[in-house]
Amino acid sequence: MQKTFKTVAVGGTFDEFHKGHRILLFKAFEVGEQVLIGLCSDEFFNKLNKPHPAAPYEQRLEELEAFLRVHGFMERAKIVPLNDVYGVTLGTDSIDALIVSRETEPMGLAINEERKERGLYPLKIVVIDMVPSENHAPISTTRIHHGEIDREGHLLKRCCDMKNSSERISE
């Protein structure tokens, strides 16, 4: 099957490696012959001021590599540390497209603006919709850390949610 792009890039923290991460990566390998995966370094993660901690880089790398091995993607993938929001996207003309989620699409647009200022051609941006959980809210690492959902998007706080909603009804 002919791929749409020779080389695509995708980036993220890939903490609590979940269904949304897998779908993003499946899209990258669907459209790209080669996939550059920027994996957020521990230092960069700390600068992002996320509302939760992240697993160490090496642990996230192991989970990502396990996914790539299971699906036969290792020979088409190159994982690089992501030390800032741009990663490898500004230093090369060998990338054809960015694969982003709806949530990170603004960053893809900012990357293209910076590329334009540097005299580089804009990258095609392939956007996937956020992957919904059981209650139709997007699956996110933050929700997993808060114990709301598991990595597949199944609700975990059902008993508490039902209790709270029944209390509201009786009030």
N, C-alpha and C. Protein backbone atom coordinates (compact mmCIF):
# COMPACT_ATOMS: atom_id res chain seq x y z
N MET A 1 0.84 -1.18 0.00
CA MET A 1 0.00 0.00 0.00
C MET A 1 0.89 1.25 0.00
N GLN A 2 0.62 2.16 -0.89
CA GLN A 2 1.38 3.41 -1.01
C GLN A 2 1.05 4.35 0.15
N LYS A 3 2.07 4.84 0.83
CA LYS A 3 1.88 5.79 1.92
C LYS A 3 1.76 7.19 1.32
N THR A 4 1.05 8.05 2.02
CA THR A 4 0.84 9.42 1.56
C THR A 4 2.12 10.25 1.66
N PHE A 5 2.93 10.03 2.71
CA PHE A 5 4.11 10.84 2.97
C PHE A 5 5.33 9.95 3.20
N LYS A 6 6.50 10.45 2.78
CA LYS A 6 7.73 9.71 3.03
C LYS A 6 8.07 9.71 4.52
N THR A 7 8.07 10.90 5.14
CA THR A 7 8.42 11.00 6.56
C THR A 7 7.43 11.90 7.28
N VAL A 8 6.89 11.41 8.38
CA VAL A 8 5.98 12.21 9.21
C VAL A 8 6.56 12.30 10.62
N ALA A 9 6.12 13.31 11.34
CA ALA A 9 6.56 13.48 12.73
C ALA A 9 5.35 13.55 13.64
N VAL A 10 5.53 13.03 14.83
CA VAL A 10 4.50 13.07 15.86
C VAL A 10 5.24 13.21 17.19
N GLY A 11 4.66 13.92 18.12
CA GLY A 11 5.34 14.09 19.39
C GLY A 11 4.39 14.05 20.56
N GLY A 12 4.94 13.78 21.73
CA GLY A 12 4.12 13.77 22.92
C GLY A 12 4.89 13.27 24.12
N THR A 13 4.22 13.32 25.26
CA THR A 13 4.78 12.79 26.49
C THR A 13 4.59 11.28 26.54
N PHE A 14 3.47 10.81 26.00
CA PHE A 14 3.14 9.39 25.96
C PHE A 14 3.20 8.76 27.35
N ASP A 15 2.71 9.52 28.33
CA ASP A 15 2.61 9.02 29.70
C ASP A 15 1.28 8.28 29.83
N GLU A 16 1.24 7.25 30.67
CA GLU A 16 0.03 6.43 30.81
C GLU A 16 -0.45 6.02 29.41
N PHE A 17 0.46 5.45 28.62
CA PHE A 17 0.24 5.14 27.21
C PHE A 17 -1.16 4.56 27.00
N HIS A 18 -2.05 5.35 26.37
CA HIS A 18 -3.47 5.00 26.30
C HIS A 18 -3.99 4.89 24.87
N LYS A 19 -5.25 4.58 24.76
CA LYS A 19 -5.91 4.36 23.47
C LYS A 19 -5.74 5.55 22.53
N GLY A 20 -5.81 6.75 23.04
CA GLY A 20 -5.62 7.93 22.20
C GLY A 20 -4.23 7.99 21.61
N HIS A 21 -3.22 7.64 22.41
CA HIS A 21 -1.84 7.60 21.92
C HIS A 21 -1.73 6.56 20.80
N ARG A 22 -2.32 5.39 21.02
CA ARG A 22 -2.22 4.32 20.02
C ARG A 22 -2.86 4.75 18.71
N ILE A 23 -4.02 5.38 18.77
CA ILE A 23 -4.70 5.80 17.54
C ILE A 23 -3.89 6.87 16.81
N LEU A 24 -3.29 7.79 17.56
CA LEU A 24 -2.43 8.81 16.96
C LEU A 24 -1.26 8.15 16.22
N LEU A 25 -0.63 7.18 16.86
CA LEU A 25 0.50 6.50 16.24
C LEU A 25 0.07 5.62 15.07
N PHE A 26 -1.06 4.95 15.18
CA PHE A 26 -1.55 4.16 14.05
C PHE A 26 -1.75 5.04 12.83
N LYS A 27 -2.29 6.25 13.03
CA LYS A 27 -2.49 7.19 11.92
C LYS A 27 -1.15 7.57 11.31
N ALA A 28 -0.16 7.84 12.17
CA ALA A 28 1.17 8.21 11.68
C ALA A 28 1.75 7.11 10.79
N PHE A 29 1.64 5.86 11.21
CA PHE A 29 2.18 4.76 10.43
C PHE A 29 1.31 4.42 9.22
N GLU A 30 0.04 4.79 9.28
CA GLU A 30 -0.85 4.60 8.13
C GLU A 30 -0.46 5.53 6.98
N VAL A 31 -0.11 6.76 7.29
CA VAL A 31 0.15 7.75 6.23
C VAL A 31 1.63 7.96 5.94
N GLY A 32 2.53 7.54 6.83
CA GLY A 32 3.95 7.79 6.63
C GLY A 32 4.77 6.53 6.43
N GLU A 33 5.71 6.60 5.50
CA GLU A 33 6.64 5.49 5.33
C GLU A 33 7.56 5.39 6.54
N GLN A 34 8.08 6.55 6.97
CA GLN A 34 8.94 6.63 8.15
C GLN A 34 8.26 7.57 9.14
N VAL A 35 8.40 7.27 10.43
CA VAL A 35 7.76 8.08 11.47
C VAL A 35 8.80 8.49 12.51
N LEU A 36 8.98 9.81 12.64
CA LEU A 36 9.82 10.37 13.70
C LEU A 36 8.91 10.62 14.90
N ILE A 37 9.25 10.02 16.02
CA ILE A 37 8.44 10.17 17.23
C ILE A 37 9.25 10.96 18.24
N GLY A 38 8.79 12.17 18.54
CA GLY A 38 9.42 12.98 19.56
C GLY A 38 8.83 12.60 20.91
N LEU A 39 9.66 12.09 21.80
CA LEU A 39 9.22 11.68 23.14
C LEU A 39 9.73 12.73 24.13
N CYS A 40 8.80 13.37 24.78
CA CYS A 40 9.08 14.47 25.71
C CYS A 40 10.09 14.05 26.78
N SER A 41 11.18 14.80 26.86
CA SER A 41 12.18 14.54 27.90
C SER A 41 11.61 14.90 29.27
N ASP A 42 12.23 14.37 30.30
CA ASP A 42 11.79 14.70 31.67
C ASP A 42 11.92 16.20 31.93
N GLU A 43 13.01 16.80 31.45
CA GLU A 43 13.23 18.24 31.67
C GLU A 43 12.15 19.06 30.99
N PHE A 44 11.83 18.70 29.75
CA PHE A 44 10.80 19.45 29.03
C PHE A 44 9.44 19.25 29.69
N PHE A 45 9.14 18.02 30.11
CA PHE A 45 7.86 17.77 30.78
C PHE A 45 7.72 18.68 32.00
N ASN A 46 8.79 18.83 32.77
CA ASN A 46 8.73 19.66 33.98
C ASN A 46 8.43 21.12 33.66
N LYS A 47 8.81 21.58 32.48
CA LYS A 47 8.53 22.96 32.06
C LYS A 47 7.08 23.15 31.60
N LEU A 48 6.38 22.06 31.32
CA LEU A 48 5.01 22.15 30.79
C LEU A 48 3.96 22.45 31.85
N ASN A 49 4.33 22.35 33.11
CA ASN A 49 3.39 22.62 34.22
C ASN A 49 2.09 21.83 34.12
N LYS A 50 2.21 20.55 33.83
CA LYS A 50 1.03 19.68 33.79
C LYS A 50 0.50 19.49 35.20
N PRO A 51 -0.81 19.18 35.33
CA PRO A 51 -1.40 19.04 36.67
C PRO A 51 -1.15 17.67 37.31
N HIS A 52 -0.14 16.96 36.83
CA HIS A 52 0.17 15.62 37.35
C HIS A 52 1.62 15.30 37.02
N PRO A 53 2.20 14.34 37.74
CA PRO A 53 3.57 13.91 37.41
C PRO A 53 3.54 12.99 36.18
N ALA A 54 4.70 12.72 35.63
CA ALA A 54 4.81 11.76 34.53
C ALA A 54 5.81 10.69 34.92
N ALA A 55 5.63 9.53 34.32
CA ALA A 55 6.62 8.46 34.52
C ALA A 55 7.96 8.94 33.94
N PRO A 56 9.07 8.42 34.43
CA PRO A 56 10.37 8.80 33.89
C PRO A 56 10.48 8.48 32.39
N TYR A 57 11.32 9.25 31.70
CA TYR A 57 11.52 9.10 30.25
C TYR A 57 11.78 7.65 29.88
N GLU A 58 12.68 6.98 30.57
CA GLU A 58 13.03 5.59 30.22
C GLU A 58 11.83 4.66 30.29
N GLN A 59 10.96 4.85 31.26
CA GLN A 59 9.77 4.01 31.39
C GLN A 59 8.80 4.29 30.23
N ARG A 60 8.62 5.56 29.89
CA ARG A 60 7.73 5.91 28.77
C ARG A 60 8.31 5.40 27.46
N LEU A 61 9.64 5.46 27.32
CA LEU A 61 10.31 4.94 26.13
C LEU A 61 10.08 3.44 26.00
N GLU A 62 10.21 2.70 27.09
CA GLU A 62 9.99 1.25 27.07
C GLU A 62 8.58 0.90 26.61
N GLU A 63 7.58 1.62 27.13
CA GLU A 63 6.19 1.35 26.73
C GLU A 63 5.97 1.66 25.25
N LEU A 64 6.54 2.76 24.80
CA LEU A 64 6.42 3.14 23.39
C LEU A 64 7.09 2.11 22.50
N GLU A 65 8.29 1.69 22.85
CA GLU A 65 8.99 0.67 22.07
C GLU A 65 8.25 -0.66 22.06
N ALA A 66 7.64 -1.02 23.18
CA ALA A 66 6.85 -2.27 23.24
C ALA A 66 5.69 -2.20 22.26
N PHE A 67 5.00 -1.07 22.21
CA PHE A 67 3.90 -0.89 21.26
C PHE A 67 4.42 -1.03 19.82
N LEU A 68 5.52 -0.38 19.52
CA LEU A 68 6.07 -0.42 18.16
C LEU A 68 6.47 -1.84 17.77
N ARG A 69 7.09 -2.58 18.71
CA ARG A 69 7.48 -3.97 18.43
C ARG A 69 6.27 -4.84 18.16
N VAL A 70 5.25 -4.75 19.02
CA VAL A 70 4.05 -5.59 18.89
C VAL A 70 3.39 -5.39 17.52
N HIS A 71 3.42 -4.17 17.02
CA HIS A 71 2.73 -3.86 15.76
C HIS A 71 3.66 -3.86 14.55
N GLY A 72 4.91 -4.27 14.74
CA GLY A 72 5.85 -4.36 13.62
C GLY A 72 6.27 -3.02 13.06
N PHE A 73 6.30 -1.98 13.88
CA PHE A 73 6.61 -0.63 13.42
C PHE A 73 8.06 -0.21 13.69
N MET A 74 8.82 -1.00 14.44
CA MET A 74 10.16 -0.56 14.87
C MET A 74 11.06 -0.15 13.71
N GLU A 75 11.04 -0.91 12.61
CA GLU A 75 11.96 -0.61 11.50
C GLU A 75 11.56 0.67 10.75
N ARG A 76 10.35 1.15 10.97
CA ARG A 76 9.89 2.38 10.31
C ARG A 76 9.88 3.57 11.26
N ALA A 77 10.28 3.36 12.50
CA ALA A 77 10.20 4.41 13.52
C ALA A 77 11.59 4.87 13.96
N LYS A 78 11.65 6.14 14.32
CA LYS A 78 12.84 6.68 14.97
C LYS A 78 12.34 7.53 16.13
N ILE A 79 12.74 7.16 17.34
CA ILE A 79 12.32 7.91 18.53
C ILE A 79 13.45 8.85 18.91
N VAL A 80 13.08 10.13 19.08
CA VAL A 80 14.07 11.14 19.46
C VAL A 80 13.56 11.88 20.69
N PRO A 81 14.45 12.29 21.59
CA PRO A 81 14.00 13.08 22.74
C PRO A 81 13.43 14.42 22.27
N LEU A 82 12.35 14.82 22.87
CA LEU A 82 11.70 16.10 22.57
C LEU A 82 12.05 17.04 23.72
N ASN A 83 12.87 18.05 23.42
CA ASN A 83 13.34 18.97 24.45
C ASN A 83 12.66 20.33 24.41
N ASP A 84 11.84 20.55 23.38
CA ASP A 84 11.05 21.78 23.26
C ASP A 84 9.86 21.48 22.34
N VAL A 85 8.99 22.46 22.17
CA VAL A 85 7.76 22.21 21.40
C VAL A 85 8.01 21.94 19.93
N TYR A 86 9.16 22.35 19.41
CA TYR A 86 9.44 22.19 17.99
C TYR A 86 10.13 20.89 17.64
N GLY A 87 10.86 20.33 18.56
CA GLY A 87 11.57 19.08 18.28
C GLY A 87 12.44 19.20 17.05
N VAL A 88 12.35 18.22 16.16
CA VAL A 88 13.18 18.20 14.95
C VAL A 88 12.53 18.93 13.78
N THR A 89 11.38 19.52 14.00
CA THR A 89 10.61 20.08 12.87
C THR A 89 11.22 21.33 12.26
N LEU A 90 12.14 21.99 12.94
CA LEU A 90 12.70 23.24 12.41
C LEU A 90 14.07 23.06 11.78
N GLY A 91 14.69 21.94 12.01
CA GLY A 91 16.05 21.76 11.54
C GLY A 91 16.20 20.96 10.28
N THR A 92 15.10 20.62 9.65
CA THR A 92 15.22 19.74 8.49
C THR A 92 14.08 19.96 7.50
N ASP A 93 14.38 19.68 6.26
CA ASP A 93 13.33 19.69 5.22
C ASP A 93 12.93 18.27 4.86
N SER A 94 13.36 17.29 5.67
CA SER A 94 13.06 15.90 5.32
C SER A 94 11.73 15.41 5.90
N ILE A 95 11.04 16.26 6.65
CA ILE A 95 9.73 15.89 7.20
C ILE A 95 8.66 16.45 6.27
N ASP A 96 7.67 15.63 5.95
CA ASP A 96 6.60 16.04 5.04
C ASP A 96 5.33 16.46 5.77
N ALA A 97 5.07 15.86 6.94
CA ALA A 97 3.80 16.11 7.61
C ALA A 97 3.93 15.93 9.12
N LEU A 98 3.03 16.58 9.83
CA LEU A 98 2.87 16.41 11.27
C LEU A 98 1.57 15.69 11.52
N ILE A 99 1.57 14.77 12.46
CA ILE A 99 0.36 14.08 12.87
C ILE A 99 0.03 14.62 14.26
N VAL A 100 -1.13 15.23 14.42
CA VAL A 100 -1.51 15.86 15.68
C VAL A 100 -2.94 15.48 16.06
N SER A 101 -3.24 15.66 17.33
CA SER A 101 -4.63 15.51 17.78
C SER A 101 -5.31 16.86 17.66
N ARG A 102 -6.61 16.87 17.74
CA ARG A 102 -7.35 18.14 17.71
C ARG A 102 -6.83 19.08 18.79
N GLU A 103 -6.47 18.52 19.96
CA GLU A 103 -5.97 19.31 21.08
C GLU A 103 -4.62 19.97 20.76
N THR A 104 -3.77 19.28 20.00
CA THR A 104 -2.43 19.81 19.73
C THR A 104 -2.32 20.46 18.35
N GLU A 105 -3.43 20.55 17.63
CA GLU A 105 -3.41 21.19 16.32
C GLU A 105 -2.84 22.61 16.36
N PRO A 106 -3.19 23.45 17.36
CA PRO A 106 -2.59 24.79 17.40
C PRO A 106 -1.06 24.77 17.43
N MET A 107 -0.47 23.77 18.06
CA MET A 107 0.99 23.67 18.07
C MET A 107 1.51 23.36 16.68
N GLY A 108 0.80 22.53 15.94
CA GLY A 108 1.19 22.25 14.55
C GLY A 108 1.18 23.51 13.71
N LEU A 109 0.18 24.34 13.91
CA LEU A 109 0.10 25.61 13.18
C LEU A 109 1.24 26.55 13.59
N ALA A 110 1.58 26.56 14.88
CA ALA A 110 2.69 27.39 15.36
C ALA A 110 4.02 26.90 14.78
N ILE A 111 4.18 25.59 14.66
CA ILE A 111 5.39 25.04 14.04
C ILE A 111 5.50 25.53 12.61
N ASN A 112 4.40 25.51 11.87
CA ASN A 112 4.44 25.97 10.49
C ASN A 112 4.75 27.46 10.39
N GLU A 113 4.25 28.24 11.33
CA GLU A 113 4.57 29.68 11.34
C GLU A 113 6.07 29.88 11.54
N GLU A 114 6.64 29.15 12.48
CA GLU A 114 8.07 29.26 12.74
C GLU A 114 8.89 28.77 11.54
N ARG A 115 8.43 27.70 10.90
CA ARG A 115 9.11 27.20 9.70
C ARG A 115 9.09 28.26 8.61
N LYS A 116 7.96 28.91 8.43
CA LYS A 116 7.83 29.96 7.42
C LYS A 116 8.83 31.09 7.68
N GLU A 117 8.94 31.50 8.95
CA GLU A 117 9.89 32.56 9.31
C GLU A 117 11.33 32.16 9.03
N ARG A 118 11.60 30.88 9.05
CA ARG A 118 12.96 30.39 8.80
C ARG A 118 13.19 30.02 7.34
N GLY A 119 12.19 30.28 6.48
CA GLY A 119 12.34 29.99 5.06
C GLY A 119 12.13 28.53 4.69
N LEU A 120 11.51 27.76 5.59
CA LEU A 120 11.19 26.36 5.30
C LEU A 120 9.76 26.24 4.82
N TYR A 121 9.49 25.25 4.02
CA TYR A 121 8.12 25.04 3.54
C TYR A 121 7.24 24.54 4.68
N PRO A 122 5.94 24.85 4.63
CA PRO A 122 5.04 24.37 5.69
C PRO A 122 4.82 22.86 5.58
N LEU A 123 4.63 22.25 6.71
CA LEU A 123 4.33 20.82 6.75
C LEU A 123 2.83 20.61 6.60
N LYS A 124 2.45 19.52 5.97
CA LYS A 124 1.04 19.14 5.95
C LYS A 124 0.69 18.76 7.39
N ILE A 125 -0.50 19.08 7.80
CA ILE A 125 -0.93 18.73 9.15
C ILE A 125 -2.10 17.76 9.06
N VAL A 126 -1.90 16.57 9.61
CA VAL A 126 -2.94 15.55 9.64
C VAL A 126 -3.48 15.55 11.07
N VAL A 127 -4.78 15.84 11.19
CA VAL A 127 -5.41 15.97 12.51
C VAL A 127 -6.33 14.80 12.77
N ILE A 128 -6.17 14.18 13.93
CA ILE A 128 -7.13 13.16 14.35
C ILE A 128 -7.99 13.75 15.46
N ASP A 129 -9.23 13.32 15.51
CA ASP A 129 -10.11 13.77 16.59
C ASP A 129 -9.68 13.12 17.89
N MET A 130 -9.99 13.78 18.98
CA MET A 130 -9.71 13.22 20.29
C MET A 130 -10.52 11.93 20.43
N VAL A 131 -9.96 10.95 21.08
CA VAL A 131 -10.61 9.65 21.25
C VAL A 131 -11.51 9.73 22.48
N PRO A 132 -12.80 9.44 22.31
CA PRO A 132 -13.72 9.58 23.44
C PRO A 132 -13.66 8.40 24.41
N SER A 133 -13.92 8.71 25.66
CA SER A 133 -14.05 7.69 26.70
C SER A 133 -15.52 7.23 26.72
N GLU A 134 -15.84 6.37 27.67
CA GLU A 134 -17.22 5.87 27.80
C GLU A 134 -18.24 6.98 27.96
N ASN A 135 -17.86 8.06 28.64
CA ASN A 135 -18.82 9.15 28.84
C ASN A 135 -18.68 10.25 27.78
N HIS A 136 -17.98 9.92 26.69
CA HIS A 136 -17.83 10.78 25.51
C HIS A 136 -16.87 11.94 25.70
N ALA A 137 -16.33 12.15 26.88
CA ALA A 137 -15.28 13.15 27.08
C ALA A 137 -13.97 12.53 26.58
N PRO A 138 -13.06 13.34 26.07
CA PRO A 138 -11.81 12.78 25.52
C PRO A 138 -10.99 12.01 26.55
N ILE A 139 -10.35 10.95 26.07
CA ILE A 139 -9.38 10.22 26.88
C ILE A 139 -8.16 11.13 27.02
N SER A 140 -7.67 11.27 28.23
CA SER A 140 -6.46 12.07 28.44
C SER A 140 -5.67 11.49 29.60
N THR A 141 -4.37 11.75 29.57
CA THR A 141 -3.51 11.31 30.65
C THR A 141 -3.93 11.95 31.97
N THR A 142 -4.34 13.20 31.92
CA THR A 142 -4.78 13.89 33.14
C THR A 142 -5.96 13.16 33.76
N ARG A 143 -6.94 12.76 32.97
CA ARG A 143 -8.11 12.04 33.49
C ARG A 143 -7.70 10.69 34.06
N ILE A 144 -6.72 10.04 33.44
CA ILE A 144 -6.22 8.76 33.96
C ILE A 144 -5.55 8.99 35.31
N HIS A 145 -4.70 10.01 35.40
CA HIS A 145 -4.02 10.33 36.66
C HIS A 145 -5.02 10.68 37.76
N HIS A 146 -6.11 11.31 37.39
CA HIS A 146 -7.13 11.68 38.39
C HIS A 146 -8.02 10.50 38.77
N GLY A 147 -7.81 9.34 38.14
CA GLY A 147 -8.59 8.15 38.48
C GLY A 147 -10.00 8.15 37.91
N GLU A 148 -10.28 9.00 36.94
CA GLU A 148 -11.61 9.05 36.32
C GLU A 148 -11.82 7.92 35.33
N ILE A 149 -10.77 7.59 34.55
CA ILE A 149 -10.85 6.58 33.50
C ILE A 149 -9.59 5.72 33.52
N ASP A 150 -9.68 4.57 32.82
CA ASP A 150 -8.47 3.77 32.63
C ASP A 150 -7.90 4.10 31.26
N ARG A 151 -6.86 3.40 30.87
CA ARG A 151 -6.16 3.69 29.61
C ARG A 151 -6.99 3.40 28.37
N GLU A 152 -8.07 2.66 28.54
CA GLU A 152 -8.97 2.37 27.42
C GLU A 152 -10.16 3.32 27.37
N GLY A 153 -10.27 4.19 28.37
CA GLY A 153 -11.38 5.15 28.40
C GLY A 153 -12.59 4.66 29.18
N HIS A 154 -12.44 3.54 29.91
CA HIS A 154 -13.54 3.04 30.74
C HIS A 154 -13.62 3.87 32.01
N LEU A 155 -14.83 4.23 32.40
CA LEU A 155 -15.03 5.04 33.60
C LEU A 155 -14.67 4.24 34.85
N LEU A 156 -13.99 4.89 35.77
CA LEU A 156 -13.59 4.25 37.02
C LEU A 156 -14.33 4.81 38.22
N LYS A 157 -14.89 6.01 38.10
CA LYS A 157 -15.56 6.65 39.23
C LYS A 157 -17.07 6.53 39.15
N ARG A 158 -17.54 5.47 38.52
CA ARG A 158 -18.97 5.30 38.31
C ARG A 158 -19.74 5.33 39.63
N CYS A 159 -19.25 4.59 40.65
CA CYS A 159 -19.96 4.54 41.92
C CYS A 159 -20.05 5.92 42.56
N CYS A 160 -18.96 6.65 42.51
CA CYS A 160 -18.93 7.99 43.11
C CYS A 160 -19.80 8.95 42.32
N ASP A 161 -19.75 8.85 40.99
CA ASP A 161 -20.56 9.73 40.15
C ASP A 161 -22.04 9.49 40.40
N MET A 162 -22.43 8.19 40.52
CA MET A 162 -23.84 7.87 40.75
C MET A 162 -24.27 8.37 42.12
N LYS A 163 -23.40 8.21 43.13
CA LYS A 163 -23.73 8.68 44.47
C LYS A 163 -23.93 10.20 44.45
N ASN A 164 -23.00 10.91 43.82
CA ASN A 164 -23.10 12.37 43.77
C ASN A 164 -24.35 12.81 43.01
N SER A 165 -24.69 12.12 41.91
CA SER A 165 -25.87 12.53 41.14
C SER A 165 -27.15 12.21 41.92
N SER A 166 -27.17 11.12 42.70
CA SER A 166 -28.38 10.81 43.47
C SER A 166 -28.54 11.80 44.63
N GLU A 167 -27.40 12.24 45.18
CA GLU A 167 -27.48 13.27 46.23
C GLU A 167 -28.04 14.56 45.67
N ARG A 168 -27.64 14.89 44.45
CA ARG A 168 -28.13 16.14 43.85
C ARG A 168 -29.63 16.04 43.57
N ILE A 169 -30.07 14.87 43.15
CA ILE A 169 -31.50 14.69 42.84
C ILE A 169 -32.34 14.83 44.10
N SER A 170 -31.86 14.28 45.23
CA SER A 170 -32.66 14.32 46.46
C SER A 170 -32.61 15.68 47.16
N GLU A 171 -31.67 16.51 46.76
CA GLU A 171 -31.56 17.83 47.44
C GLU A 171 -32.63 18.79 46.97
